[in-house]
């Protein structure tokens, strides 16, 4: 189904005359501050799930979890310092 040149021009002009739909304001999602400890804990649980699904070996998981355990004392300090600035 082809359009004549005049019909095409008419539709083209109509399309450009139509106003764009009014954009709605984006809804503001609440800001959620995750502590470093909770992020590390979530990551460790994901590692354990990967071991259960045979996507990761138990040795690899233990190695990474050991490194995470070393980070936890530093993460606790960082969380306590950051908490002062994150209070609303």
PDB file of N, CA and C in Angstrom:
ATOM      1  N   UNK A   1       0.842  -1.165   0.000  1.00  0.00           N
ATOM      2  CA  UNK A   1       0.000   0.000   0.000  1.00  0.00           C
ATOM      3  C   UNK A   1       0.894   1.237   0.000  1.00  0.00           C
ATOM      4  N   UNK A   2       0.945   1.928  -1.107  1.00  0.00           N
ATOM      5  CA  UNK A   2       1.821   3.093  -1.195  1.00  0.00           C
ATOM      6  C   UNK A   2       1.006   4.377  -1.094  1.00  0.00           C
ATOM      7  N   UNK A   3       1.649   5.396  -0.587  1.00  0.00           N
ATOM      8  CA  UNK A   3       1.005   6.698  -0.438  1.00  0.00           C
ATOM      9  C   UNK A   3       1.406   7.602  -1.593  1.00  0.00           C
ATOM     10  N   UNK A   4       0.494   8.449  -1.981  1.00  0.00           N
ATOM     11  CA  UNK A   4       0.863   9.454  -2.979  1.00  0.00           C
ATOM     12  C   UNK A   4       1.751  10.485  -2.287  1.00  0.00           C
ATOM     13  N   UNK A   5       2.445  11.245  -3.081  1.00  0.00           N
ATOM     14  CA  UNK A   5       3.359  12.236  -2.527  1.00  0.00           C
ATOM     15  C   UNK A   5       2.607  13.246  -1.654  1.00  0.00           C
ATOM     16  N   UNK A   6       1.445  13.690  -2.122  1.00  0.00           N
ATOM     17  CA  UNK A   6       0.656  14.664  -1.355  1.00  0.00           C
ATOM     18  C   UNK A   6       0.181  14.069  -0.026  1.00  0.00           C
ATOM     19  N   UNK A   7      -0.255  12.823  -0.068  1.00  0.00           N
ATOM     20  CA  UNK A   7      -0.724  12.164   1.156  1.00  0.00           C
ATOM     21  C   UNK A   7       0.424  12.007   2.151  1.00  0.00           C
ATOM     22  N   UNK A   8       1.600  11.675   1.627  1.00  0.00           N
ATOM     23  CA  UNK A   8       2.778  11.539   2.474  1.00  0.00           C
ATOM     24  C   UNK A   8       3.097  12.874   3.147  1.00  0.00           C
ATOM     25  N   UNK A   9       3.119  13.964   2.358  1.00  0.00           N
ATOM     26  CA  UNK A   9       3.411  15.290   2.914  1.00  0.00           C
ATOM     27  C   UNK A   9       2.383  15.686   3.970  1.00  0.00           C
ATOM     28  N   UNK A  10       1.132  15.377   3.715  1.00  0.00           N
ATOM     29  CA  UNK A  10       0.059  15.711   4.647  1.00  0.00           C
ATOM     30  C   UNK A  10       0.280  15.002   5.990  1.00  0.00           C
ATOM     31  N   UNK A  11       0.565  13.720   5.926  1.00  0.00           N
ATOM     32  CA  UNK A  11       0.800  12.951   7.152  1.00  0.00           C
ATOM     33  C   UNK A  11       2.063  13.422   7.866  1.00  0.00           C
ATOM     34  N   UNK A  12       3.083  13.765   7.088  1.00  0.00           N
ATOM     35  CA  UNK A  12       4.346  14.251   7.649  1.00  0.00           C
ATOM     36  C   UNK A  12       4.100  15.537   8.444  1.00  0.00           C
ATOM     37  N   UNK A  13       3.371  16.454   7.858  1.00  0.00           N
ATOM     38  CA  UNK A  13       3.066  17.723   8.523  1.00  0.00           C
ATOM     39  C   UNK A  13       2.216  17.497   9.774  1.00  0.00           C
ATOM     40  N   UNK A  14       1.252  16.604   9.681  1.00  0.00           N
ATOM     41  CA  UNK A  14       0.395  16.325  10.835  1.00  0.00           C
ATOM     42  C   UNK A  14       1.208  15.738  11.987  1.00  0.00           C
ATOM     43  N   UNK A  15       2.127  14.875  11.655  1.00  0.00           N
ATOM     44  CA  UNK A  15       2.948  14.239  12.683  1.00  0.00           C
ATOM     45  C   UNK A  15       3.796  15.279  13.404  1.00  0.00           C
ATOM     46  N   UNK A  16       4.317  16.246  12.667  1.00  0.00           N
ATOM     47  CA  UNK A  16       5.164  17.258  13.288  1.00  0.00           C
ATOM     48  C   UNK A  16       4.359  18.312  14.030  1.00  0.00           C
ATOM     49  N   UNK A  17       3.110  18.485  13.684  1.00  0.00           N
ATOM     50  CA  UNK A  17       2.265  19.454  14.377  1.00  0.00           C
ATOM     51  C   UNK A  17       1.766  18.917  15.711  1.00  0.00           C
ATOM     52  N   UNK A  18       1.678  17.608  15.797  1.00  0.00           N
ATOM     53  CA  UNK A  18       1.181  17.020  17.040  1.00  0.00           C
ATOM     54  C   UNK A  18       2.184  17.291  18.155  1.00  0.00           C
ATOM     55  N   UNK A  19       1.659  17.616  19.315  1.00  0.00           N
ATOM     56  CA  UNK A  19       2.540  17.868  20.448  1.00  0.00           C
ATOM     57  C   UNK A  19       3.017  16.542  21.015  1.00  0.00           C
ATOM     58  N   UNK A  20       4.210  16.614  21.528  1.00  0.00           N
ATOM     59  CA  UNK A  20       4.742  15.416  22.173  1.00  0.00           C
ATOM     60  C   UNK A  20       3.986  15.183  23.472  1.00  0.00           C
ATOM     61  N   UNK A  21       3.817  13.929  23.837  1.00  0.00           N
ATOM     62  CA  UNK A  21       3.124  13.656  25.104  1.00  0.00           C
ATOM     63  C   UNK A  21       3.909  14.260  26.270  1.00  0.00           C
ATOM     64  N   UNK A  22       3.182  14.760  27.232  1.00  0.00           N
ATOM     65  CA  UNK A  22       3.824  15.391  28.376  1.00  0.00           C
ATOM     66  C   UNK A  22       4.567  14.336  29.191  1.00  0.00           C
ATOM     67  N   UNK A  23       5.812  14.646  29.478  1.00  0.00           N
ATOM     68  CA  UNK A  23       6.612  13.700  30.248  1.00  0.00           C
ATOM     69  C   UNK A  23       6.234  13.798  31.715  1.00  0.00           C
ATOM     70  N   UNK A  24       6.083  12.647  32.321  1.00  0.00           N
ATOM     71  CA  UNK A  24       5.782  12.612  33.744  1.00  0.00           C
ATOM     72  C   UNK A  24       7.090  12.714  34.509  1.00  0.00           C
ATOM     73  N   UNK A  25       7.008  13.306  35.660  1.00  0.00           N
ATOM     74  CA  UNK A  25       8.183  13.394  36.509  1.00  0.00           C
ATOM     75  C   UNK A  25       8.538  11.995  36.999  1.00  0.00           C
ATOM     76  N   UNK A  26       9.805  11.710  36.988  1.00  0.00           N
ATOM     77  CA  UNK A  26      10.247  10.408  37.477  1.00  0.00           C
ATOM     78  C   UNK A  26       9.981  10.330  38.975  1.00  0.00           C
ATOM     79  N   UNK A  27       9.454   9.224  39.390  1.00  0.00           N
ATOM     80  CA  UNK A  27       9.191   9.082  40.817  1.00  0.00           C
ATOM     81  C   UNK A  27      10.518   8.884  41.543  1.00  0.00           C
ATOM     82  N   UNK A  28      10.609   9.475  42.671  1.00  0.00           N
ATOM     83  CA  UNK A  28      11.838   9.388  43.454  1.00  0.00           C
ATOM     84  C   UNK A  28      11.784   8.142  44.331  1.00  0.00           C
ATOM     85  N   UNK A  29      12.699   7.262  44.091  1.00  0.00           N
ATOM     86  CA  UNK A  29      12.786   6.066  44.926  1.00  0.00           C
ATOM     87  C   UNK A  29      13.523   6.443  46.207  1.00  0.00           C
ATOM     88  N   UNK A  30      13.181   5.821  47.301  1.00  0.00           N
ATOM     89  CA  UNK A  30      13.900   6.141  48.536  1.00  0.00           C
ATOM     90  C   UNK A  30      15.358   5.713  48.418  1.00  0.00           C
ATOM     91  N   UNK A  31      16.222   6.516  48.963  1.00  0.00           N
ATOM     92  CA  UNK A  31      17.647   6.203  48.925  1.00  0.00           C
ATOM     93  C   UNK A  31      17.924   5.188  50.022  1.00  0.00           C
ATOM     94  N   UNK A  32      18.554   4.109  49.636  1.00  0.00           N
ATOM     95  CA  UNK A  32      18.874   3.056  50.595  1.00  0.00           C
ATOM     96  C   UNK A  32      20.388   2.966  50.689  1.00  0.00           C
ATOM     97  N   UNK A  33      20.887   3.166  51.882  1.00  0.00           N
ATOM     98  CA  UNK A  33      22.327   3.080  52.091  1.00  0.00           C
ATOM     99  C   UNK A  33      22.656   1.689  52.619  1.00  0.00           C
ATOM    100  N   UNK A  34      23.358   0.922  51.813  1.00  0.00           N
ATOM    101  CA  UNK A  34      23.763  -0.410  52.238  1.00  0.00           C
ATOM    102  C   UNK A  34      25.089  -0.307  52.966  1.00  0.00           C
ATOM    103  N   UNK A  35      25.185  -0.991  54.055  1.00  0.00           N
ATOM    104  CA  UNK A  35      26.460  -0.999  54.756  1.00  0.00           C
ATOM    105  C   UNK A  35      27.418  -1.920  54.013  1.00  0.00           C
ATOM    106  N   UNK A  36      28.685  -1.653  54.197  1.00  0.00           N
ATOM    107  CA  UNK A  36      29.706  -2.481  53.546  1.00  0.00           C
ATOM    108  C   UNK A  36      29.605  -3.909  54.053  1.00  0.00           C
ATOM    109  N   UNK A  37      29.320  -4.054  55.334  1.00  0.00           N
ATOM    110  CA  UNK A  37      29.181  -5.397  55.922  1.00  0.00           C
ATOM    111  C   UNK A  37      28.053  -6.167  55.246  1.00  0.00           C
ATOM    112  N   UNK A  38      26.911  -5.517  55.040  1.00  0.00           N
ATOM    113  CA  UNK A  38      25.789  -6.227  54.415  1.00  0.00           C
ATOM    114  C   UNK A  38      26.113  -6.611  52.976  1.00  0.00           C
ATOM    115  N   UNK A  39      26.858  -5.757  52.280  1.00  0.00           N
ATOM    116  CA  UNK A  39      27.261  -6.085  50.910  1.00  0.00           C
ATOM    117  C   UNK A  39      28.195  -7.297  50.914  1.00  0.00           C
ATOM    118  N   UNK A  40      29.151  -7.310  51.831  1.00  0.00           N
ATOM    119  CA  UNK A  40      30.081  -8.448  51.915  1.00  0.00           C
ATOM    120  C   UNK A  40      29.340  -9.733  52.288  1.00  0.00           C
ATOM    121  N   UNK A  41      28.402  -9.635  53.230  1.00  0.00           N
ATOM    122  CA  UNK A  41      27.625 -10.817  53.625  1.00  0.00           C
ATOM    123  C   UNK A  41      26.790 -11.344  52.461  1.00  0.00           C
ATOM    124  N   UNK A  42      26.173 -10.432  51.728  1.00  0.00           N
ATOM    125  CA  UNK A  42      25.385 -10.850  50.563  1.00  0.00           C
ATOM    126  C   UNK A  42      26.268 -11.517  49.518  1.00  0.00           C
ATOM    127  N   UNK A  43      27.456 -10.968  49.317  1.00  0.00           N
ATOM    128  CA  UNK A  43      28.378 -11.546  48.343  1.00  0.00           C
ATOM    129  C   UNK A  43      28.799 -12.949  48.772  1.00  0.00           C
ATOM    130  N   UNK A  44      29.063 -13.119  50.056  1.00  0.00           N
ATOM    131  CA  UNK A  44      29.446 -14.449  50.544  1.00  0.00           C
ATOM    132  C   UNK A  44      28.313 -15.449  50.344  1.00  0.00           C
ATOM    133  N   UNK A  45      27.086 -15.024  50.587  1.00  0.00           N
ATOM    134  CA  UNK A  45      25.966 -15.957  50.389  1.00  0.00           C
ATOM    135  C   UNK A  45      25.818 -16.317  48.912  1.00  0.00           C
ATOM    136  N   UNK A  46      26.088 -15.361  48.020  1.00  0.00           N
ATOM    137  CA  UNK A  46      26.043 -15.659  46.583  1.00  0.00           C
ATOM    138  C   UNK A  46      27.142 -16.646  46.198  1.00  0.00           C
ATOM    139  N   UNK A  47      28.300 -16.508  46.816  1.00  0.00           N
ATOM    140  CA  UNK A  47      29.385 -17.459  46.548  1.00  0.00           C
ATOM    141  C   UNK A  47      28.980 -18.870  46.962  1.00  0.00           C
ATOM    142  N   UNK A  48      28.353 -18.988  48.129  1.00  0.00           N
ATOM    143  CA  UNK A  48      27.925 -20.310  48.602  1.00  0.00           C
ATOM    144  C   UNK A  48      26.858 -20.905  47.678  1.00  0.00           C
ATOM    145  N   UNK A  49      25.982 -20.056  47.157  1.00  0.00           N
ATOM    146  CA  UNK A  49      24.986 -20.539  46.196  1.00  0.00           C
ATOM    147  C   UNK A  49      25.665 -21.007  44.911  1.00  0.00           C
ATOM    148  N   UNK A  50      26.731 -20.321  44.512  1.00  0.00           N
ATOM    149  CA  UNK A  50      27.461 -20.719  43.309  1.00  0.00           C
ATOM    150  C   UNK A  50      28.131 -22.073  43.506  1.00  0.00           C
ATOM    151  N   UNK A  51      28.592 -22.340  44.722  1.00  0.00           N
ATOM    152  CA  UNK A  51      29.196 -23.644  45.022  1.00  0.00           C
ATOM    153  C   UNK A  51      28.122 -24.726  44.950  1.00  0.00           C
ATOM    154  N   UNK A  52      26.947 -24.428  45.523  1.00  0.00           N
ATOM    155  CA  UNK A  52      25.847 -25.397  45.481  1.00  0.00           C
ATOM    156  C   UNK A  52      25.419 -25.696  44.050  1.00  0.00           C
ATOM    157  N   UNK A  53      25.503 -24.697  43.186  1.00  0.00           N
ATOM    158  CA  UNK A  53      25.128 -24.879  41.782  1.00  0.00           C
ATOM    159  C   UNK A  53      26.272 -25.377  40.921  1.00  0.00           C
ATOM    160  N   UNK A  54      27.384 -25.722  41.552  1.00  0.00           N
ATOM    161  CA  UNK A  54      28.575 -26.252  40.874  1.00  0.00           C
ATOM    162  C   UNK A  54      29.173 -25.267  39.868  1.00  0.00           C
ATOM    163  N   UNK A  55      28.947 -23.963  40.087  1.00  0.00           N
ATOM    164  CA  UNK A  55      29.549 -22.948  39.217  1.00  0.00           C
ATOM    165  C   UNK A  55      30.901 -22.512  39.761  1.00  0.00           C
ATOM    166  N   UNK A  56      31.166 -22.860  41.011  1.00  0.00           N
ATOM    167  CA  UNK A  56      32.401 -22.456  41.678  1.00  0.00           C
ATOM    168  C   UNK A  56      32.858 -23.615  42.548  1.00  0.00           C
ATOM    169  N   UNK A  57      34.158 -23.833  42.582  1.00  0.00           N
ATOM    170  CA  UNK A  57      34.652 -24.924  43.427  1.00  0.00           C
ATOM    171  C   UNK A  57      34.657 -24.476  44.885  1.00  0.00           C
ATOM    172  N   UNK A  58      34.604 -25.453  45.776  1.00  0.00           N
ATOM    173  CA  UNK A  58      34.575 -25.150  47.207  1.00  0.00           C
ATOM    174  C   UNK A  58      35.863 -24.453  47.631  1.00  0.00           C
ATOM    175  N   UNK A  59      36.971 -24.845  47.032  1.00  0.00           N
ATOM    176  CA  UNK A  59      38.266 -24.249  47.369  1.00  0.00           C
ATOM    177  C   UNK A  59      38.305 -22.770  46.975  1.00  0.00           C
ATOM    178  N   UNK A  60      37.778 -22.478  45.773  1.00  0.00           N
ATOM    179  CA  UNK A  60      37.738 -21.082  45.320  1.00  0.00           C
ATOM    180  C   UNK A  60      36.864 -20.241  46.248  1.00  0.00           C
ATOM    181  N   UNK A  61      35.753 -20.808  46.642  1.00  0.00           N
ATOM    182  CA  UNK A  61      34.829 -20.111  47.532  1.00  0.00           C
ATOM    183  C   UNK A  61      35.488 -19.826  48.880  1.00  0.00           C
ATOM    184  N   UNK A  62      36.141 -20.826  49.431  1.00  0.00           N
ATOM    185  CA  UNK A  62      36.799 -20.662  50.730  1.00  0.00           C
ATOM    186  C   UNK A  62      37.900 -19.613  50.660  1.00  0.00           C
ATOM    187  N   UNK A  63      38.620 -19.582  49.542  1.00  0.00           N
ATOM    188  CA  UNK A  63      39.694 -18.604  49.362  1.00  0.00           C
ATOM    189  C   UNK A  63      39.139 -17.174  49.356  1.00  0.00           C
ATOM    190  N   UNK A  64      38.066 -16.968  48.624  1.00  0.00           N
ATOM    191  CA  UNK A  64      37.458 -15.636  48.552  1.00  0.00           C
ATOM    192  C   UNK A  64      36.829 -15.264  49.894  1.00  0.00           C
ATOM    193  N   UNK A  65      36.168 -16.217  50.542  1.00  0.00           N
ATOM    194  CA  UNK A  65      35.541 -15.946  51.834  1.00  0.00           C
ATOM    195  C   UNK A  65      36.585 -15.588  52.893  1.00  0.00           C
ATOM    196  N   UNK A  66      37.748 -16.197  52.781  1.00  0.00           N
ATOM    197  CA  UNK A  66      38.844 -15.892  53.701  1.00  0.00           C
ATOM    198  C   UNK A  66      39.281 -14.433  53.539  1.00  0.00           C
ATOM    199  N   UNK A  67      39.373 -13.982  52.294  1.00  0.00           N
ATOM    200  CA  UNK A  67      39.744 -12.587  52.009  1.00  0.00           C
ATOM    201  C   UNK A  67      38.663 -11.634  52.518  1.00  0.00           C
ATOM    202  N   UNK A  68      37.404 -12.029  52.345  1.00  0.00           N
ATOM    203  CA  UNK A  68      36.298 -11.196  52.820  1.00  0.00           C
ATOM    204  C   UNK A  68      36.340 -11.088  54.344  1.00  0.00           C
ATOM    205  N   UNK A  69      36.647 -12.197  55.015  1.00  0.00           N
ATOM    206  CA  UNK A  69      36.736 -12.191  56.478  1.00  0.00           C
ATOM    207  C   UNK A  69      37.827 -11.232  56.944  1.00  0.00           C
ATOM    208  N   UNK A  70      38.911 -11.125  56.174  1.00  0.00           N
ATOM    209  CA  UNK A  70      39.981 -10.183  56.509  1.00  0.00           C
ATOM    210  C   UNK A  70      39.514  -8.733  56.346  1.00  0.00           C
ATOM    211  N   UNK A  71      38.603  -8.503  55.424  1.00  0.00           N
ATOM    212  CA  UNK A  71      38.101  -7.149  55.167  1.00  0.00           C
ATOM    213  C   UNK A  71      37.054  -6.686  56.178  1.00  0.00           C
ATOM    214  N   UNK A  72      36.403  -7.621  56.830  1.00  0.00           N
ATOM    215  CA  UNK A  72      35.270  -7.267  57.693  1.00  0.00           C
ATOM    216  C   UNK A  72      35.615  -6.278  58.809  1.00  0.00           C
ATOM    217  N   UNK A  73      36.747  -6.408  59.528  1.00  0.00           N
ATOM    218  CA  UNK A  73      37.050  -5.401  60.558  1.00  0.00           C
ATOM    219  C   UNK A  73      37.186  -3.989  59.969  1.00  0.00           C
ATOM    220  N   UNK A  74      37.809  -3.892  58.812  1.00  0.00           N
ATOM    221  CA  UNK A  74      37.928  -2.585  58.155  1.00  0.00           C
ATOM    222  C   UNK A  74      36.565  -2.071  57.713  1.00  0.00           C
ATOM    223  N   UNK A  75      35.733  -2.985  57.251  1.00  0.00           N
ATOM    224  CA  UNK A  75      34.399  -2.600  56.795  1.00  0.00           C
ATOM    225  C   UNK A  75      33.553  -2.081  57.957  1.00  0.00           C
ATOM    226  N   UNK A  76      33.693  -2.690  59.126  1.00  0.00           N
ATOM    227  CA  UNK A  76      32.943  -2.226  60.296  1.00  0.00           C
ATOM    228  C   UNK A  76      33.344  -0.802  60.659  1.00  0.00           C
ATOM    229  N   UNK A  77      34.651  -0.519  60.603  1.00  0.00           N
ATOM    230  CA  UNK A  77      35.127   0.839  60.891  1.00  0.00           C
ATOM    231  C   UNK A  77      34.581   1.824  59.865  1.00  0.00           C
ATOM    232  N   UNK A  78      34.628   1.435  58.606  1.00  0.00           N
ATOM    233  CA  UNK A  78      34.136   2.314  57.541  1.00  0.00           C
ATOM    234  C   UNK A  78      32.641   2.566  57.694  1.00  0.00           C
ATOM    235  N   UNK A  79      31.892   1.529  58.049  1.00  0.00           N
ATOM    236  CA  UNK A  79      30.445   1.677  58.237  1.00  0.00           C
ATOM    237  C   UNK A  79      30.127   2.640  59.375  1.00  0.00           C
ATOM    238  N   UNK A  80      30.870   2.518  60.475  1.00  0.00           N
ATOM    239  CA  UNK A  80      30.583   3.393  61.618  1.00  0.00           C
ATOM    240  C   UNK A  80      30.919   4.843  61.290  1.00  0.00           C
ATOM    241  N   UNK A  81      31.992   5.074  60.537  1.00  0.00           N
ATOM    242  CA  UNK A  81      32.342   6.442  60.136  1.00  0.00           C
ATOM    243  C   UNK A  81      31.339   6.993  59.128  1.00  0.00           C
ATOM    244  N   UNK A  82      30.928   6.166  58.190  1.00  0.00           N
ATOM    245  CA  UNK A  82      29.992   6.612  57.153  1.00  0.00           C
ATOM    246  C   UNK A  82      28.604   6.867  57.725  1.00  0.00           C
ATOM    247  N   UNK A  83      28.246   6.156  58.784  1.00  0.00           N
ATOM    248  CA  UNK A  83      26.912   6.298  59.372  1.00  0.00           C
ATOM    249  C   UNK A  83      26.659   7.726  59.844  1.00  0.00           C
ATOM    250  N   UNK A  84      27.713   8.415  60.269  1.00  0.00           N
ATOM    251  CA  UNK A  84      27.564   9.801  60.721  1.00  0.00           C
ATOM    252  C   UNK A  84      27.058  10.689  59.595  1.00  0.00           C
ATOM    253  N   UNK A  85      27.513  10.420  58.383  1.00  0.00           N
ATOM    254  CA  UNK A  85      27.174  11.262  57.241  1.00  0.00           C
ATOM    255  C   UNK A  85      25.897  10.827  56.533  1.00  0.00           C
ATOM    256  N   UNK A  86      25.462   9.604  56.770  1.00  0.00           N
ATOM    257  CA  UNK A  86      24.299   9.084  56.063  1.00  0.00           C
ATOM    258  C   UNK A  86      22.997   9.301  56.813  1.00  0.00           C
ATOM    259  N   UNK A  87      23.072   9.787  58.039  1.00  0.00           N
ATOM    260  CA  UNK A  87      21.836  10.028  58.795  1.00  0.00           C
ATOM    261  C   UNK A  87      21.094  11.189  58.175  1.00  0.00           C
ATOM    262  N   UNK A  88      19.802  10.987  58.004  1.00  0.00           N
ATOM    263  CA  UNK A  88      18.972  12.040  57.395  1.00  0.00           C
ATOM    264  C   UNK A  88      18.014  12.600  58.423  1.00  0.00           C
TER     265      UNK A  88
END
